[in-house]
C-alpha atoms as a PDB file:
ATOM      1  CA  MET A   1      38.008 -25.401  25.691  1.00  0.00           C
ATOM      2  CA  ASP A   2      41.076 -23.437  25.532  1.00  0.00           C
ATOM      3  CA  ASP A   3      42.021 -24.005  29.246  1.00  0.00           C
ATOM      4  CA  LYS A   4      41.709 -27.688  28.875  1.00  0.00           C
ATOM      5  CA  ALA A   5      44.122 -27.852  25.672  1.00  0.00           C
ATOM      6  CA  ILE A   6      46.522 -25.718  27.802  1.00  0.00           C
ATOM      7  CA  ASP A   7      46.316 -28.016  30.654  1.00  0.00           C
ATOM      8  CA  ILE A   8      46.901 -30.965  28.518  1.00  0.00           C
ATOM      9  CA  VAL A   9      50.111 -29.516  27.111  1.00  0.00           C
ATOM     10  CA  ILE A  10      51.479 -28.801  30.447  1.00  0.00           C
ATOM     11  CA  ASP A  11      50.836 -32.258  31.816  1.00  0.00           C
ATOM     12  CA  TYR A  12      52.741 -33.605  28.743  1.00  0.00           C
ATOM     13  CA  VAL A  13      55.690 -31.253  29.202  1.00  0.00           C
ATOM     14  CA  ILE A  14      55.821 -31.948  32.654  1.00  0.00           C
ATOM     15  CA  LYS A  15      55.908 -35.812  32.291  1.00  0.00           C
ATOM     16  CA  HIS A  16      58.134 -35.800  29.123  1.00  0.00           C
ATOM     17  CA  THR A  17      60.702 -32.843  29.539  1.00  0.00           C
ATOM     18  CA  ASP A  18      64.140 -33.830  31.374  1.00  0.00           C
ATOM     19  CA  LYS A  19      64.617 -31.470  34.039  1.00  0.00           C
ATOM     20  CA  THR A  20      68.120 -30.845  33.028  1.00  0.00           C
ATOM     21  CA  ASP A  21      66.956 -29.465  29.606  1.00  0.00           C
ATOM     22  CA  TYR A  22      65.847 -26.055  31.205  1.00  0.00           C
ATOM     23  CA  ILE A  23      65.811 -24.067  34.262  1.00  0.00           C
ATOM     24  CA  ILE A  24      63.160 -24.746  36.423  1.00  0.00           C
ATOM     25  CA  ARG A  25      61.528 -22.185  38.710  1.00  0.00           C
ATOM     26  CA  GLU A  26      59.567 -23.936  41.539  1.00  0.00           C
ATOM     27  CA  CYS A  27      56.131 -22.778  42.052  1.00  0.00           C
ATOM     28  CA  ASP A  28      54.299 -25.228  44.679  1.00  0.00           C
ATOM     29  CA  GLY A  29      56.473 -28.025  43.637  1.00  0.00           C
ATOM     30  CA  LYS A  30      55.666 -27.788  39.804  1.00  0.00           C
ATOM     31  CA  PRO A  31      57.839 -26.331  37.124  1.00  0.00           C
ATOM     32  CA  GLU A  32      56.817 -23.154  36.109  1.00  0.00           C
ATOM     33  CA  PHE A  33      56.879 -21.993  32.292  1.00  0.00           C
ATOM     34  CA  ASP A  34      54.688 -20.164  29.948  1.00  0.00           C
ATOM     35  CA  VAL A  35      52.259 -22.016  27.470  1.00  0.00           C
ATOM     36  CA  TYR A  36      50.373 -19.956  24.908  1.00  0.00           C
ATOM     37  CA  ILE A  37      48.101 -20.549  21.848  1.00  0.00           C
ATOM     38  CA  VAL A  38      49.823 -19.947  18.472  1.00  0.00           C
ATOM     39  CA  TRP A  39      46.943 -20.868  16.396  1.00  0.00           C
ATOM     40  CA  LYS A  40      43.299 -22.527  16.744  1.00  0.00           C
ATOM     41  CA  CYS A  41      40.315 -23.297  14.707  1.00  0.00           C
ATOM     42  CA  LYS A  42      37.154 -25.143  14.915  1.00  0.00           C
ATOM     43  CA  THR A  43      35.512 -26.859  12.162  1.00  0.00           C
ATOM     44  CA  LEU A  44      31.826 -28.244  13.032  1.00  0.00           C
ATOM     45  CA  GLN A  45      32.429 -29.879  16.477  1.00  0.00           C
ATOM     46  CA  ASN A  46      36.092 -30.446  16.102  1.00  0.00           C
ATOM     47  CA  TRP A  47      38.878 -28.167  17.328  1.00  0.00           C
ATOM     48  CA  LYS A  48      42.515 -27.932  16.608  1.00  0.00           C
ATOM     49  CA  TRP A  49      45.369 -25.924  18.578  1.00  0.00           C
ATOM     50  CA  LEU A  50      48.892 -25.194  17.856  1.00  0.00           C
ATOM     51  CA  ILE A  51      50.694 -24.688  21.023  1.00  0.00           C
ATOM     52  CA  SER A  52      54.130 -23.781  22.312  1.00  0.00           C
ATOM     53  CA  THR A  53      56.017 -22.959  25.438  1.00  0.00           C
ATOM     54  CA  ASN A  54      58.643 -20.351  26.259  1.00  0.00           C
ATOM     55  CA  LEU A  55      61.204 -23.374  27.103  1.00  0.00           C
ATOM     56  CA  PRO A  56      64.144 -23.692  24.868  1.00  0.00           C
ATOM     57  CA  ASP A  57      63.678 -27.014  23.756  1.00  0.00           C
ATOM     58  CA  GLY A  58      62.385 -26.248  20.134  1.00  0.00           C
ATOM     59  CA  MET A  59      59.077 -28.202  20.819  1.00  0.00           C
ATOM     60  CA  TYR A  60      55.561 -27.401  19.633  1.00  0.00           C
ATOM     61  CA  TYR A  61      52.391 -29.306  20.006  1.00  0.00           C
ATOM     62  CA  GLU A  62      49.376 -29.956  17.864  1.00  0.00           C
ATOM     63  CA  LEU A  63      46.450 -30.784  19.757  1.00  0.00           C
ATOM     64  CA  THR A  64      43.239 -31.949  18.192  1.00  0.00           C
ATOM     65  CA  TYR A  65      39.764 -32.436  19.842  1.00  0.00           C
ATOM     66  CA  ASN A  66      37.363 -35.077  18.109  1.00  0.00           C
ATOM     67  CA  GLY A  67      33.815 -33.799  19.226  1.00  0.00           C
ATOM     68  CA  ASP A  68      32.144 -36.969  17.965  1.00  0.00           C
ATOM     69  CA  LYS A  69      34.175 -39.073  20.374  1.00  0.00           C
ATOM     70  CA  ASN A  70      35.046 -36.516  22.820  1.00  0.00           C
ATOM     71  CA  GLU A  71      38.636 -37.148  22.905  1.00  0.00           C
ATOM     72  CA  PHE A  72      41.815 -35.331  22.357  1.00  0.00           C
ATOM     73  CA  TYR A  73      44.775 -36.196  20.061  1.00  0.00           C
ATOM     74  CA  LEU A  74      48.198 -34.834  20.883  1.00  0.00           C
ATOM     75  CA  ASP A  75      51.180 -34.634  18.578  1.00  0.00           C
ATOM     76  CA  ALA A  76      54.828 -33.410  19.783  1.00  0.00           C
ATOM     77  CA  TYR A  77      57.076 -31.980  17.439  1.00  0.00           C
ATOM     78  CA  LYS A  78      60.728 -30.612  17.573  1.00  0.00           C
ATOM     79  CA  LYS A  79      61.909 -27.714  15.187  1.00  0.00           C
ATOM     80  CA  PHE A  80      65.152 -28.394  13.769  1.00  0.00           C
ATOM     81  CA  GLU A  81      65.482 -25.598  11.404  1.00  0.00           C
ATOM     82  CA  ASN A  82      63.723 -22.880   9.409  1.00  0.00           C
ATOM     83  CA  VAL A  83      64.959 -22.874   5.916  1.00  0.00           C
ATOM     84  CA  VAL A  84      64.171 -19.946   3.364  1.00  0.00           C
ATOM     85  CA  ILE A  85      63.348 -21.224   0.008  1.00  0.00           C
ATOM     86  CA  LYS A  86      62.933 -18.519  -2.827  1.00  0.00           C
ATOM     87  CA  ASN A  87      60.088 -18.754  -5.150  1.00  0.00           C
ATOM     88  CA  THR A  88      62.029 -18.114  -8.575  1.00  0.00           C
END
């Protein structure tokens, strides 16, 4: 199931990232970049992954698998900043 989740994100990145946004190393005609699972969990028949890449675009991906309907949902996010808020 993890391989399927990673393949979904790879396909999305290839289709939606402008080739001028990052340096591409060609491998069999496809862009080459690393995709990795940051976090995942399973509840009953459902799965959720947080997935990222090594591309410098600030994107991360949330992928949910609905076991009842046998379908995936992909949300793509861009990180704008990381702010520390102290608990006082």
